Amino acid sequence: MKIVVDLNRCQGYAQCAFLAPQVFELHGEEALMYTPQPPADQRERVLRAAAACPVQAILVEDGVEDRPEDRPEARAADPGAEGRPGVR
């Protein structure tokens, strides 16, 4: 799964951050940070967040293969996997 957020369209309603807080995070009033390739266990939350966006700023590409390093078991085995990439 891959996520792309149109940050020009995003109005900071933060519905995504409420529904998928491990993937979307609002900094300040309008700065959205998100994980572009979230772990597979967040799939349902991400889909709900995208559907709840009032301005439909979240695009979910569901056909993209998950990267092996994004799987929960791989992250648990990799001590350097702490943190997550974000987009500003």
C-alpha atoms as a PDB file:
ATOM      1  CA  MET A   1       0.000   0.000   0.000  1.00  0.00           C
ATOM      2  CA  LYS A   2       1.203   3.493  -0.826  1.00  0.00           C
ATOM      3  CA  ILE A   3      -0.298   6.788   0.335  1.00  0.00           C
ATOM      4  CA  VAL A   4      -0.101  10.149  -1.387  1.00  0.00           C
ATOM      5  CA  VAL A   5      -1.643  13.225   0.215  1.00  0.00           C
ATOM      6  CA  ASP A   6      -2.346  16.319  -1.860  1.00  0.00           C
ATOM      7  CA  LEU A   7      -1.005  18.826   0.648  1.00  0.00           C
ATOM      8  CA  ASN A   8      -2.389  21.705  -1.415  1.00  0.00           C
ATOM      9  CA  ARG A   9      -5.874  20.263  -1.041  1.00  0.00           C
ATOM     10  CA  CYS A  10      -5.514  19.245   2.634  1.00  0.00           C
ATOM     11  CA  GLN A  11      -7.267  21.733   4.925  1.00  0.00           C
ATOM     12  CA  GLY A  12      -6.061  20.293   8.239  1.00  0.00           C
ATOM     13  CA  TYR A  13      -9.375  18.820   9.382  1.00  0.00           C
ATOM     14  CA  ALA A  14      -7.298  16.004  10.962  1.00  0.00           C
ATOM     15  CA  GLN A  15      -9.875  13.255  10.467  1.00  0.00           C
ATOM     16  CA  CYS A  16      -7.031  11.082   9.167  1.00  0.00           C
ATOM     17  CA  ALA A  17      -4.975  11.700  12.316  1.00  0.00           C
ATOM     18  CA  PHE A  18      -7.902  10.626  14.503  1.00  0.00           C
ATOM     19  CA  LEU A  19      -8.582   7.464  12.502  1.00  0.00           C
ATOM     20  CA  ALA A  20      -4.989   6.372  11.780  1.00  0.00           C
ATOM     21  CA  PRO A  21      -2.727   8.109  14.317  1.00  0.00           C
ATOM     22  CA  GLN A  22       0.230   5.806  13.614  1.00  0.00           C
ATOM     23  CA  VAL A  23       0.215   6.897   9.956  1.00  0.00           C
ATOM     24  CA  PHE A  24      -1.002  10.525   9.962  1.00  0.00           C
ATOM     25  CA  GLU A  25       0.065  13.232  12.376  1.00  0.00           C
ATOM     26  CA  LEU A  26      -0.885  16.908  12.437  1.00  0.00           C
ATOM     27  CA  HIS A  27       1.852  19.297  13.555  1.00  0.00           C
ATOM     28  CA  GLY A  28       0.660  22.743  14.474  1.00  0.00           C
ATOM     29  CA  GLU A  29      -2.594  23.783  12.892  1.00  0.00           C
ATOM     30  CA  GLU A  30      -2.030  22.684   9.319  1.00  0.00           C
ATOM     31  CA  ALA A  31       1.244  20.763   8.846  1.00  0.00           C
ATOM     32  CA  LEU A  32       0.387  17.148   8.091  1.00  0.00           C
ATOM     33  CA  MET A  33       3.083  14.485   8.301  1.00  0.00           C
ATOM     34  CA  TYR A  34       2.386  10.942   7.181  1.00  0.00           C
ATOM     35  CA  THR A  35       3.989   7.610   6.444  1.00  0.00           C
ATOM     36  CA  PRO A  36       3.906   7.141   2.636  1.00  0.00           C
ATOM     37  CA  GLN A  37       4.185   3.337   2.867  1.00  0.00           C
ATOM     38  CA  PRO A  38       2.493   2.315   6.111  1.00  0.00           C
ATOM     39  CA  PRO A  39       2.756  -1.168   7.592  1.00  0.00           C
ATOM     40  CA  ALA A  40       0.215  -3.700   6.385  1.00  0.00           C
ATOM     41  CA  ASP A  41      -1.451  -3.856   9.805  1.00  0.00           C
ATOM     42  CA  GLN A  42      -2.590  -0.226   9.328  1.00  0.00           C
ATOM     43  CA  ARG A  43      -4.433  -0.934   6.065  1.00  0.00           C
ATOM     44  CA  GLU A  44      -8.015  -0.735   7.387  1.00  0.00           C
ATOM     45  CA  ARG A  45      -7.310   2.395   9.413  1.00  0.00           C
ATOM     46  CA  VAL A  46      -5.736   4.102   6.387  1.00  0.00           C
ATOM     47  CA  LEU A  47      -8.683   3.214   4.156  1.00  0.00           C
ATOM     48  CA  ARG A  48     -11.115   4.614   6.736  1.00  0.00           C
ATOM     49  CA  ALA A  49      -9.017   7.764   7.087  1.00  0.00           C
ATOM     50  CA  ALA A  50      -8.958   8.304   3.320  1.00  0.00           C
ATOM     51  CA  ALA A  51     -12.724   7.822   3.098  1.00  0.00           C
ATOM     52  CA  ALA A  52     -13.304  10.271   5.973  1.00  0.00           C
ATOM     53  CA  CYS A  53     -11.216  13.097   4.487  1.00  0.00           C
ATOM     54  CA  PRO A  54     -13.698  15.940   3.838  1.00  0.00           C
ATOM     55  CA  VAL A  55     -11.697  17.232   0.848  1.00  0.00           C
ATOM     56  CA  GLN A  56     -10.600  13.814  -0.468  1.00  0.00           C
ATOM     57  CA  ALA A  57      -6.899  14.769  -0.255  1.00  0.00           C
ATOM     58  CA  ILE A  58      -5.697  11.204   0.458  1.00  0.00           C
ATOM     59  CA  LEU A  59      -4.970   8.802  -2.390  1.00  0.00           C
ATOM     60  CA  VAL A  60      -4.369   5.168  -1.462  1.00  0.00           C
ATOM     61  CA  GLU A  61      -2.672   2.970  -4.036  1.00  0.00           C
ATOM     62  CA  ASP A  62      -3.692  -0.430  -2.765  1.00  0.00           C
ATOM     63  CA  GLY A  63      -2.129  -2.515  -5.543  1.00  0.00           C
ATOM     64  CA  VAL A  64       1.436  -1.555  -4.591  1.00  0.00           C
ATOM     65  CA  GLU A  65       3.276  -4.446  -3.007  1.00  0.00           C
ATOM     66  CA  ASP A  66       4.172  -3.968   0.639  1.00  0.00           C
ATOM     67  CA  ARG A  67       7.886  -3.815   1.241  1.00  0.00           C
ATOM     68  CA  PRO A  68       9.198  -6.707   3.396  1.00  0.00           C
ATOM     69  CA  GLU A  69      10.855  -4.256   5.783  1.00  0.00           C
ATOM     70  CA  ASP A  70       7.439  -2.681   6.494  1.00  0.00           C
ATOM     71  CA  ARG A  71       5.988  -5.882   7.889  1.00  0.00           C
ATOM     72  CA  PRO A  72       5.603  -5.867  11.699  1.00  0.00           C
ATOM     73  CA  GLU A  73       7.802  -8.930  12.178  1.00  0.00           C
ATOM     74  CA  ALA A  74      10.622  -7.333  10.161  1.00  0.00           C
ATOM     75  CA  ARG A  75      10.436  -4.073  12.128  1.00  0.00           C
ATOM     76  CA  ALA A  76      10.573  -5.959  15.430  1.00  0.00           C
ATOM     77  CA  ALA A  77      13.749  -7.724  14.306  1.00  0.00           C
ATOM     78  CA  ASP A  78      15.421  -4.517  13.073  1.00  0.00           C
ATOM     79  CA  PRO A  79      16.442  -2.253  15.972  1.00  0.00           C
ATOM     80  CA  GLY A  80      17.241   0.541  13.508  1.00  0.00           C
ATOM     81  CA  ALA A  81      13.645   0.638  12.259  1.00  0.00           C
ATOM     82  CA  GLU A  82      12.487   3.067  14.930  1.00  0.00           C
ATOM     83  CA  GLY A  83      10.773   6.221  13.752  1.00  0.00           C
ATOM     84  CA  ARG A  84       9.019   6.631  10.470  1.00  0.00           C
ATOM     85  CA  PRO A  85       9.500   8.628   7.352  1.00  0.00           C
ATOM     86  CA  GLY A  86       7.188  11.568   6.883  1.00  0.00           C
ATOM     87  CA  VAL A  87       6.361  14.080   4.263  1.00  0.00           C
ATOM     88  CA  ARG A  88       6.275  17.756   5.117  1.00  0.00           C
END
